[in-house]
Amino acid sequence: MDNKGQITIDYLISITIFLFAIAFVFNYTAGIFTPFQSNSDEVTLVADRTSLVLVEKILSEGDENVPNMVNSTKVDTFLTELDTNYENTITDLGMKGSYITYDLNVTLENETGTINMAGKKMPSGVNIGQTKRVVLLRYTDTGARETAIISFRVW
C-alpha cells in the first residue's frame, strides 16, 4: 500500500480553475454596483478646489490665525460679480476650458436662512458636486463676526 500522500495533477488543475472562477465572480460583482457613466467624483473635486481658492485666498480676511475668516465686502463683491459677469468669473476661477466648462452656484447661509446666492440655477438630472465650508464672516463696517456656511455647487 502507498502512503506517500501525493496530489495528482488533475486535482491541482481543478482547484486552480475553481479559484480563478471565484476571483472572476468577485471582480465581476464589484463592477455591477458602480454606475456605468458618472463624473460625480470629478465635479466634487472641482467644487473642493473652487471652495479652497475662494475661501482661503480670494475672500479671505488675511488673518493667518483664523484661516476660514472671510471678509463680507469681498464676499458681496464676488457674489455680485458672479451674477453680473458670470463668464469672466468662471474663466478666472479656471472652470472654463477649451474641452469642458463647469457651471457654478454659490450660496451663503447662516443659522436663520439664506443670506445671498449667486451663479447659475441648478439643473435637474445632472451630477452636481457640492462642497460646504463653515466660515467666520467678518462684517467690515461693524467688525462683527458671524458663523456662516458657503455652499459651492458645480456641474
N, C-alpha and C. Protein backbone atom coordinates (compact mmCIF):
# COMPACT_ATOMS: atom_id res chain seq x y z
N MET A 1 0.84 -1.17 0.00
CA MET A 1 0.00 0.00 0.00
C MET A 1 0.89 1.24 0.00
N ASP A 2 0.46 2.28 -0.75
CA ASP A 2 1.23 3.51 -0.94
C ASP A 2 0.73 4.56 0.05
N ASN A 3 1.58 5.07 0.96
CA ASN A 3 1.19 6.05 1.97
C ASN A 3 1.92 7.39 1.81
N LYS A 4 2.32 7.77 0.63
CA LYS A 4 3.10 8.99 0.43
C LYS A 4 2.23 10.24 0.40
N GLY A 5 0.99 10.23 0.14
CA GLY A 5 0.10 11.37 0.16
C GLY A 5 0.34 12.36 -0.98
N GLN A 6 0.66 11.93 -2.15
CA GLN A 6 0.89 12.83 -3.27
C GLN A 6 -0.43 13.25 -3.91
N ILE A 7 -0.49 14.51 -4.43
CA ILE A 7 -1.69 15.03 -5.08
C ILE A 7 -1.52 14.84 -6.58
N THR A 8 -2.55 14.39 -7.20
CA THR A 8 -2.46 14.18 -8.64
C THR A 8 -2.58 15.51 -9.36
N ILE A 9 -2.09 15.54 -10.55
CA ILE A 9 -2.12 16.76 -11.38
C ILE A 9 -3.54 17.17 -11.72
N ASP A 10 -4.46 16.23 -11.84
CA ASP A 10 -5.86 16.55 -12.12
C ASP A 10 -6.48 17.36 -10.97
N TYR A 11 -6.17 16.99 -9.76
CA TYR A 11 -6.71 17.70 -8.60
C TYR A 11 -6.16 19.13 -8.54
N LEU A 12 -4.90 19.36 -8.81
CA LEU A 12 -4.29 20.69 -8.81
C LEU A 12 -4.90 21.58 -9.89
N ILE A 13 -5.13 21.02 -11.06
CA ILE A 13 -5.73 21.80 -12.15
C ILE A 13 -7.15 22.19 -11.80
N SER A 14 -7.93 21.30 -11.22
CA SER A 14 -9.32 21.61 -10.88
C SER A 14 -9.40 22.66 -9.77
N ILE A 15 -8.53 22.61 -8.77
CA ILE A 15 -8.51 23.63 -7.71
C ILE A 15 -8.12 24.99 -8.30
N THR A 16 -7.15 25.03 -9.21
CA THR A 16 -6.72 26.28 -9.84
C THR A 16 -7.84 26.90 -10.64
N ILE A 17 -8.56 26.11 -11.42
CA ILE A 17 -9.68 26.62 -12.21
C ILE A 17 -10.79 27.13 -11.28
N PHE A 18 -11.06 26.41 -10.21
CA PHE A 18 -12.07 26.84 -9.26
C PHE A 18 -11.71 28.19 -8.62
N LEU A 19 -10.46 28.37 -8.22
CA LEU A 19 -10.02 29.63 -7.61
C LEU A 19 -10.09 30.79 -8.60
N PHE A 20 -9.73 30.55 -9.87
CA PHE A 20 -9.87 31.59 -10.89
C PHE A 20 -11.33 31.96 -11.09
N ALA A 21 -12.22 30.97 -11.06
CA ALA A 21 -13.66 31.24 -11.21
C ALA A 21 -14.18 32.09 -10.05
N ILE A 22 -13.76 31.80 -8.84
CA ILE A 22 -14.17 32.59 -7.67
C ILE A 22 -13.65 34.02 -7.80
N ALA A 23 -12.39 34.19 -8.20
CA ALA A 23 -11.82 35.53 -8.36
C ALA A 23 -12.57 36.31 -9.45
N PHE A 24 -12.93 35.65 -10.53
CA PHE A 24 -13.69 36.30 -11.60
C PHE A 24 -15.06 36.77 -11.10
N VAL A 25 -15.74 35.94 -10.34
CA VAL A 25 -17.07 36.30 -9.81
C VAL A 25 -16.97 37.52 -8.89
N PHE A 26 -15.97 37.56 -8.02
CA PHE A 26 -15.80 38.72 -7.14
C PHE A 26 -15.50 39.99 -7.93
N ASN A 27 -14.66 39.91 -8.92
CA ASN A 27 -14.34 41.09 -9.73
C ASN A 27 -15.56 41.55 -10.54
N TYR A 28 -16.32 40.64 -11.05
CA TYR A 28 -17.49 40.98 -11.85
C TYR A 28 -18.58 41.61 -10.99
N THR A 29 -18.88 41.03 -9.84
CA THR A 29 -19.95 41.57 -8.99
C THR A 29 -19.58 42.93 -8.42
N ALA A 30 -18.33 43.23 -8.20
CA ALA A 30 -17.94 44.56 -7.72
C ALA A 30 -18.22 45.62 -8.79
N GLY A 31 -18.08 45.26 -10.06
CA GLY A 31 -18.34 46.18 -11.15
C GLY A 31 -19.81 46.42 -11.41
N ILE A 32 -20.67 45.54 -10.94
CA ILE A 32 -22.11 45.69 -11.16
C ILE A 32 -22.65 46.88 -10.38
N PHE A 33 -22.12 47.14 -9.20
CA PHE A 33 -22.68 48.17 -8.33
C PHE A 33 -22.17 49.57 -8.63
N THR A 34 -21.19 49.73 -9.48
CA THR A 34 -20.74 51.06 -9.87
C THR A 34 -21.55 51.53 -11.07
N PRO A 35 -21.86 52.83 -11.13
CA PRO A 35 -22.65 53.31 -12.27
C PRO A 35 -21.86 53.21 -13.56
N PHE A 36 -22.58 53.12 -14.66
CA PHE A 36 -21.93 52.93 -15.95
C PHE A 36 -21.16 54.17 -16.38
N GLN A 37 -21.72 55.34 -16.11
CA GLN A 37 -21.05 56.56 -16.52
C GLN A 37 -21.36 57.62 -15.48
N SER A 38 -20.34 58.04 -14.74
CA SER A 38 -20.53 59.03 -13.71
C SER A 38 -19.30 59.90 -13.60
N ASN A 39 -19.51 61.20 -13.48
CA ASN A 39 -18.39 62.10 -13.24
C ASN A 39 -18.62 62.87 -11.96
N SER A 40 -19.41 62.29 -11.03
CA SER A 40 -19.70 62.99 -9.79
C SER A 40 -18.43 63.20 -8.97
N ASP A 41 -17.48 62.28 -9.05
CA ASP A 41 -16.21 62.47 -8.35
C ASP A 41 -15.46 63.65 -8.94
N GLU A 42 -15.50 63.77 -10.24
CA GLU A 42 -14.80 64.86 -10.92
C GLU A 42 -15.37 66.22 -10.53
N VAL A 43 -16.69 66.36 -10.54
CA VAL A 43 -17.28 67.66 -10.21
C VAL A 43 -17.14 67.97 -8.73
N THR A 44 -17.11 66.96 -7.88
CA THR A 44 -16.87 67.19 -6.46
C THR A 44 -15.46 67.70 -6.23
N LEU A 45 -14.50 67.16 -6.96
CA LEU A 45 -13.13 67.66 -6.84
C LEU A 45 -13.02 69.09 -7.33
N VAL A 46 -13.73 69.43 -8.39
CA VAL A 46 -13.72 70.81 -8.88
C VAL A 46 -14.37 71.73 -7.86
N ALA A 47 -15.46 71.29 -7.21
CA ALA A 47 -16.10 72.09 -6.17
C ALA A 47 -15.17 72.29 -4.98
N ASP A 48 -14.43 71.23 -4.60
CA ASP A 48 -13.46 71.36 -3.50
C ASP A 48 -12.37 72.36 -3.83
N ARG A 49 -11.84 72.27 -5.03
CA ARG A 49 -10.76 73.19 -5.43
C ARG A 49 -11.26 74.62 -5.49
N THR A 50 -12.46 74.81 -6.02
CA THR A 50 -13.04 76.15 -6.11
C THR A 50 -13.27 76.73 -4.72
N SER A 51 -13.79 75.92 -3.80
CA SER A 51 -14.03 76.40 -2.44
C SER A 51 -12.72 76.76 -1.75
N LEU A 52 -11.69 75.96 -1.99
CA LEU A 52 -10.39 76.24 -1.38
C LEU A 52 -9.83 77.57 -1.88
N VAL A 53 -9.86 77.78 -3.19
CA VAL A 53 -9.33 79.01 -3.77
C VAL A 53 -10.11 80.22 -3.28
N LEU A 54 -11.42 80.12 -3.26
CA LEU A 54 -12.23 81.27 -2.88
C LEU A 54 -12.14 81.58 -1.38
N VAL A 55 -12.34 80.60 -0.53
CA VAL A 55 -12.39 80.85 0.91
C VAL A 55 -11.01 81.21 1.46
N GLU A 56 -9.98 80.50 1.04
CA GLU A 56 -8.67 80.70 1.66
C GLU A 56 -7.80 81.73 0.96
N LYS A 57 -8.17 82.15 -0.25
CA LYS A 57 -7.33 83.12 -0.95
C LYS A 57 -8.09 84.37 -1.34
N ILE A 58 -9.13 84.25 -2.14
CA ILE A 58 -9.79 85.42 -2.72
C ILE A 58 -10.66 86.15 -1.70
N LEU A 59 -11.47 85.43 -0.93
CA LEU A 59 -12.40 86.05 0.00
C LEU A 59 -11.85 86.18 1.41
N SER A 60 -10.64 85.73 1.64
CA SER A 60 -10.06 85.67 2.97
C SER A 60 -9.84 87.06 3.57
N GLU A 61 -10.00 87.14 4.87
CA GLU A 61 -9.74 88.37 5.61
C GLU A 61 -8.24 88.62 5.72
N GLY A 62 -7.44 87.57 5.58
CA GLY A 62 -5.99 87.72 5.63
C GLY A 62 -5.40 87.42 7.00
N ASP A 63 -6.22 86.99 7.95
CA ASP A 63 -5.73 86.66 9.29
C ASP A 63 -5.27 85.20 9.30
N GLU A 64 -3.97 85.00 9.48
CA GLU A 64 -3.43 83.64 9.45
C GLU A 64 -3.86 82.82 10.66
N ASN A 65 -4.23 83.47 11.76
CA ASN A 65 -4.67 82.76 12.96
C ASN A 65 -6.07 82.19 12.81
N VAL A 66 -6.87 82.77 11.92
CA VAL A 66 -8.22 82.29 11.66
C VAL A 66 -8.33 82.02 10.16
N PRO A 67 -8.02 80.79 9.73
CA PRO A 67 -7.91 80.52 8.29
C PRO A 67 -9.22 80.62 7.51
N ASN A 68 -10.35 80.41 8.13
CA ASN A 68 -11.62 80.43 7.40
C ASN A 68 -12.41 81.70 7.66
N MET A 69 -11.74 82.80 8.00
CA MET A 69 -12.43 84.07 8.17
C MET A 69 -12.47 84.79 6.83
N VAL A 70 -13.70 85.12 6.40
CA VAL A 70 -13.86 85.81 5.12
C VAL A 70 -14.39 87.22 5.36
N ASN A 71 -14.07 88.09 4.45
CA ASN A 71 -14.44 89.49 4.52
C ASN A 71 -15.81 89.67 3.85
N SER A 72 -16.74 90.31 4.53
CA SER A 72 -18.10 90.44 3.99
C SER A 72 -18.12 91.29 2.72
N THR A 73 -17.27 92.30 2.65
CA THR A 73 -17.22 93.13 1.44
C THR A 73 -16.71 92.33 0.25
N LYS A 74 -15.68 91.52 0.46
CA LYS A 74 -15.15 90.68 -0.62
C LYS A 74 -16.18 89.65 -1.05
N VAL A 75 -16.92 89.08 -0.09
CA VAL A 75 -17.95 88.09 -0.42
C VAL A 75 -19.05 88.74 -1.25
N ASP A 76 -19.52 89.91 -0.82
CA ASP A 76 -20.57 90.61 -1.57
C ASP A 76 -20.10 90.98 -2.98
N THR A 77 -18.86 91.45 -3.08
CA THR A 77 -18.30 91.81 -4.39
C THR A 77 -18.22 90.59 -5.29
N PHE A 78 -17.75 89.46 -4.73
CA PHE A 78 -17.63 88.24 -5.54
C PHE A 78 -19.00 87.75 -6.01
N LEU A 79 -19.98 87.72 -5.09
CA LEU A 79 -21.30 87.23 -5.47
C LEU A 79 -21.96 88.15 -6.51
N THR A 80 -21.76 89.44 -6.38
CA THR A 80 -22.28 90.37 -7.39
C THR A 80 -21.59 90.15 -8.73
N GLU A 81 -20.27 89.97 -8.69
CA GLU A 81 -19.50 89.73 -9.91
C GLU A 81 -19.92 88.41 -10.56
N LEU A 82 -20.21 87.40 -9.75
CA LEU A 82 -20.64 86.11 -10.28
C LEU A 82 -21.99 86.24 -11.00
N ASP A 83 -22.86 87.08 -10.48
CA ASP A 83 -24.16 87.27 -11.13
C ASP A 83 -24.07 88.17 -12.37
N THR A 84 -23.27 89.24 -12.30
CA THR A 84 -23.25 90.21 -13.39
C THR A 84 -22.26 89.87 -14.49
N ASN A 85 -21.17 89.23 -14.14
CA ASN A 85 -20.12 88.93 -15.12
C ASN A 85 -19.73 87.45 -14.99
N TYR A 86 -20.73 86.59 -15.20
CA TYR A 86 -20.58 85.15 -14.92
C TYR A 86 -19.45 84.51 -15.72
N GLU A 87 -19.42 84.71 -17.02
CA GLU A 87 -18.44 84.03 -17.88
C GLU A 87 -16.99 84.38 -17.50
N ASN A 88 -16.72 85.66 -17.26
CA ASN A 88 -15.36 86.06 -16.89
C ASN A 88 -14.98 85.52 -15.51
N THR A 89 -15.92 85.49 -14.58
CA THR A 89 -15.64 84.97 -13.24
C THR A 89 -15.32 83.48 -13.30
N ILE A 90 -16.08 82.73 -14.08
CA ILE A 90 -15.82 81.29 -14.24
C ILE A 90 -14.47 81.07 -14.90
N THR A 91 -14.13 81.87 -15.88
CA THR A 91 -12.83 81.77 -16.54
C THR A 91 -11.70 82.08 -15.57
N ASP A 92 -11.87 83.11 -14.75
CA ASP A 92 -10.85 83.47 -13.77
C ASP A 92 -10.63 82.38 -12.73
N LEU A 93 -11.68 81.64 -12.40
CA LEU A 93 -11.57 80.55 -11.44
C LEU A 93 -11.01 79.27 -12.06
N GLY A 94 -10.80 79.26 -13.37
CA GLY A 94 -10.25 78.09 -14.06
C GLY A 94 -11.27 77.01 -14.34
N MET A 95 -12.53 77.38 -14.40
CA MET A 95 -13.59 76.40 -14.62
C MET A 95 -14.07 76.36 -16.06
N LYS A 96 -13.44 77.16 -16.91
CA LYS A 96 -13.82 77.18 -18.32
C LYS A 96 -12.59 76.88 -19.15
N GLY A 97 -12.67 75.82 -19.91
CA GLY A 97 -11.55 75.45 -20.76
C GLY A 97 -12.02 75.21 -22.18
N SER A 98 -11.10 74.80 -23.00
CA SER A 98 -11.46 74.54 -24.39
C SER A 98 -12.19 73.21 -24.53
N TYR A 99 -11.99 72.28 -23.60
CA TYR A 99 -12.61 70.97 -23.69
C TYR A 99 -13.90 70.88 -22.89
N ILE A 100 -13.89 71.40 -21.66
CA ILE A 100 -15.07 71.28 -20.80
C ILE A 100 -15.23 72.56 -19.99
N THR A 101 -16.47 72.91 -19.74
CA THR A 101 -16.80 74.08 -18.92
C THR A 101 -17.72 73.64 -17.80
N TYR A 102 -17.40 74.07 -16.60
CA TYR A 102 -18.23 73.76 -15.44
C TYR A 102 -19.05 74.99 -15.08
N ASP A 103 -20.23 74.75 -14.53
CA ASP A 103 -21.08 75.83 -14.04
C ASP A 103 -21.01 75.86 -12.52
N LEU A 104 -21.30 77.02 -11.95
CA LEU A 104 -21.12 77.23 -10.52
C LEU A 104 -22.33 77.93 -9.92
N ASN A 105 -22.70 77.50 -8.71
CA ASN A 105 -23.70 78.16 -7.90
C ASN A 105 -23.13 78.28 -6.49
N VAL A 106 -23.14 79.49 -5.93
CA VAL A 106 -22.60 79.73 -4.59
C VAL A 106 -23.73 80.27 -3.72
N THR A 107 -23.90 79.68 -2.52
CA THR A 107 -24.93 80.09 -1.59
C THR A 107 -24.29 80.39 -0.24
N LEU A 108 -24.62 81.54 0.33
CA LEU A 108 -24.14 81.94 1.65
C LEU A 108 -25.32 81.88 2.62
N GLU A 109 -25.17 81.07 3.68
CA GLU A 109 -26.25 80.87 4.64
C GLU A 109 -25.75 81.08 6.06
N ASN A 110 -26.65 81.49 6.95
CA ASN A 110 -26.37 81.48 8.38
C ASN A 110 -27.44 80.63 9.05
N GLU A 111 -27.53 80.68 10.38
CA GLU A 111 -28.47 79.80 11.06
C GLU A 111 -29.92 80.20 10.85
N THR A 112 -30.17 81.42 10.40
CA THR A 112 -31.56 81.85 10.19
C THR A 112 -32.04 81.62 8.76
N GLY A 113 -31.13 81.47 7.80
CA GLY A 113 -31.56 81.24 6.43
C GLY A 113 -30.49 81.66 5.43
N THR A 114 -30.91 81.83 4.20
CA THR A 114 -30.00 82.20 3.12
C THR A 114 -29.73 83.69 3.15
N ILE A 115 -28.44 84.05 3.15
CA ILE A 115 -28.04 85.46 3.11
C ILE A 115 -27.97 85.95 1.67
N ASN A 116 -27.31 85.15 0.83
CA ASN A 116 -27.13 85.56 -0.56
C ASN A 116 -26.88 84.32 -1.41
N MET A 117 -27.21 84.41 -2.69
CA MET A 117 -26.98 83.32 -3.63
C MET A 117 -26.60 83.93 -4.98
N ALA A 118 -25.66 83.27 -5.66
CA ALA A 118 -25.23 83.79 -6.96
C ALA A 118 -24.85 82.63 -7.87
N GLY A 119 -24.78 82.92 -9.15
CA GLY A 119 -24.41 81.90 -10.13
C GLY A 119 -25.62 81.40 -10.87
N LYS A 120 -25.40 80.34 -11.62
CA LYS A 120 -26.50 79.76 -12.40
C LYS A 120 -27.42 78.94 -11.52
N LYS A 121 -28.66 78.82 -11.97
CA LYS A 121 -29.61 77.96 -11.28
C LYS A 121 -29.25 76.51 -11.54
N MET A 122 -29.42 75.68 -10.52
CA MET A 122 -29.03 74.28 -10.64
C MET A 122 -30.04 73.52 -11.49
N PRO A 123 -29.54 72.76 -12.46
CA PRO A 123 -30.44 71.95 -13.28
C PRO A 123 -30.79 70.65 -12.57
N SER A 124 -31.79 69.98 -13.08
CA SER A 124 -32.14 68.67 -12.53
C SER A 124 -31.65 67.59 -13.48
N GLY A 125 -31.33 66.46 -12.94
CA GLY A 125 -30.94 65.31 -13.75
C GLY A 125 -29.48 65.27 -14.16
N VAL A 126 -28.62 66.07 -13.53
CA VAL A 126 -27.19 66.02 -13.82
C VAL A 126 -26.44 65.80 -12.51
N ASN A 127 -25.21 65.34 -12.63
CA ASN A 127 -24.36 65.17 -11.45
C ASN A 127 -23.91 66.53 -10.95
N ILE A 128 -24.18 66.79 -9.69
CA ILE A 128 -23.78 68.06 -9.09
C ILE A 128 -22.84 67.75 -7.93
N GLY A 129 -21.64 68.33 -8.00
CA GLY A 129 -20.69 68.20 -6.91
C GLY A 129 -20.87 69.37 -5.96
N GLN A 130 -20.91 69.07 -4.66
CA GLN A 130 -21.14 70.12 -3.69
C GLN A 130 -20.11 70.06 -2.58
N THR A 131 -19.63 71.23 -2.19
CA THR A 131 -18.75 71.36 -1.04
C THR A 131 -19.29 72.48 -0.18
N LYS A 132 -19.40 72.22 1.12
CA LYS A 132 -19.83 73.25 2.05
C LYS A 132 -18.65 73.60 2.95
N ARG A 133 -18.43 74.90 3.15
CA ARG A 133 -17.37 75.39 4.01
C ARG A 133 -18.00 76.22 5.13
N VAL A 134 -17.65 75.89 6.37
CA VAL A 134 -18.06 76.69 7.51
C VAL A 134 -17.04 77.81 7.65
N VAL A 135 -17.52 79.04 7.62
CA VAL A 135 -16.62 80.20 7.65
C VAL A 135 -17.05 81.15 8.76
N LEU A 136 -16.12 82.00 9.12
CA LEU A 136 -16.41 83.09 10.03
C LEU A 136 -16.50 84.36 9.18
N LEU A 137 -17.70 84.89 9.05
CA LEU A 137 -17.95 86.05 8.20
C LEU A 137 -17.74 87.31 9.04
N ARG A 138 -16.78 88.14 8.65
CA ARG A 138 -16.48 89.38 9.37
C ARG A 138 -17.03 90.55 8.58
N TYR A 139 -17.94 91.29 9.21
CA TYR A 139 -18.52 92.47 8.57
C TYR A 139 -17.54 93.63 8.71
N THR A 140 -17.14 94.22 7.59
CA THR A 140 -16.10 95.25 7.61
C THR A 140 -16.60 96.58 8.19
N ASP A 141 -17.88 96.86 8.07
CA ASP A 141 -18.38 98.14 8.58
C ASP A 141 -18.53 98.15 10.09
N THR A 142 -18.92 97.03 10.70
CA THR A 142 -19.12 96.99 12.16
C THR A 142 -18.05 96.21 12.88
N GLY A 143 -17.33 95.32 12.17
CA GLY A 143 -16.35 94.46 12.82
C GLY A 143 -16.96 93.23 13.46
N ALA A 144 -18.27 93.09 13.37
CA ALA A 144 -18.96 91.93 13.96
C ALA A 144 -18.61 90.67 13.17
N ARG A 145 -18.69 89.55 13.86
CA ARG A 145 -18.40 88.26 13.24
C ARG A 145 -19.60 87.35 13.38
N GLU A 146 -19.78 86.52 12.36
CA GLU A 146 -20.91 85.60 12.34
C GLU A 146 -20.47 84.31 11.67
N THR A 147 -20.91 83.19 12.21
CA THR A 147 -20.64 81.90 11.58
C THR A 147 -21.61 81.71 10.42
N ALA A 148 -21.06 81.32 9.28
CA ALA A 148 -21.88 81.12 8.09
C ALA A 148 -21.40 79.87 7.35
N ILE A 149 -22.21 79.40 6.44
CA ILE A 149 -21.88 78.26 5.60
C ILE A 149 -21.94 78.72 4.15
N ILE A 150 -20.85 78.49 3.43
CA ILE A 150 -20.83 78.80 2.00
C ILE A 150 -20.89 77.47 1.26
N SER A 151 -21.90 77.30 0.42
CA SER A 151 -22.06 76.08 -0.38
C SER A 151 -21.61 76.37 -1.81
N PHE A 152 -20.75 75.52 -2.33
CA PHE A 152 -20.26 75.62 -3.70
C PHE A 152 -20.80 74.41 -4.45
N ARG A 153 -21.60 74.66 -5.48
CA ARG A 153 -22.16 73.57 -6.28
C ARG A 153 -21.66 73.70 -7.71
N VAL A 154 -21.12 72.61 -8.21
CA VAL A 154 -20.51 72.59 -9.55
C VAL A 154 -21.16 71.47 -10.35
N TRP A 155 -21.46 71.76 -11.63
CA TRP A 155 -21.96 70.73 -12.55
C TRP A 155 -21.45 70.96 -13.93
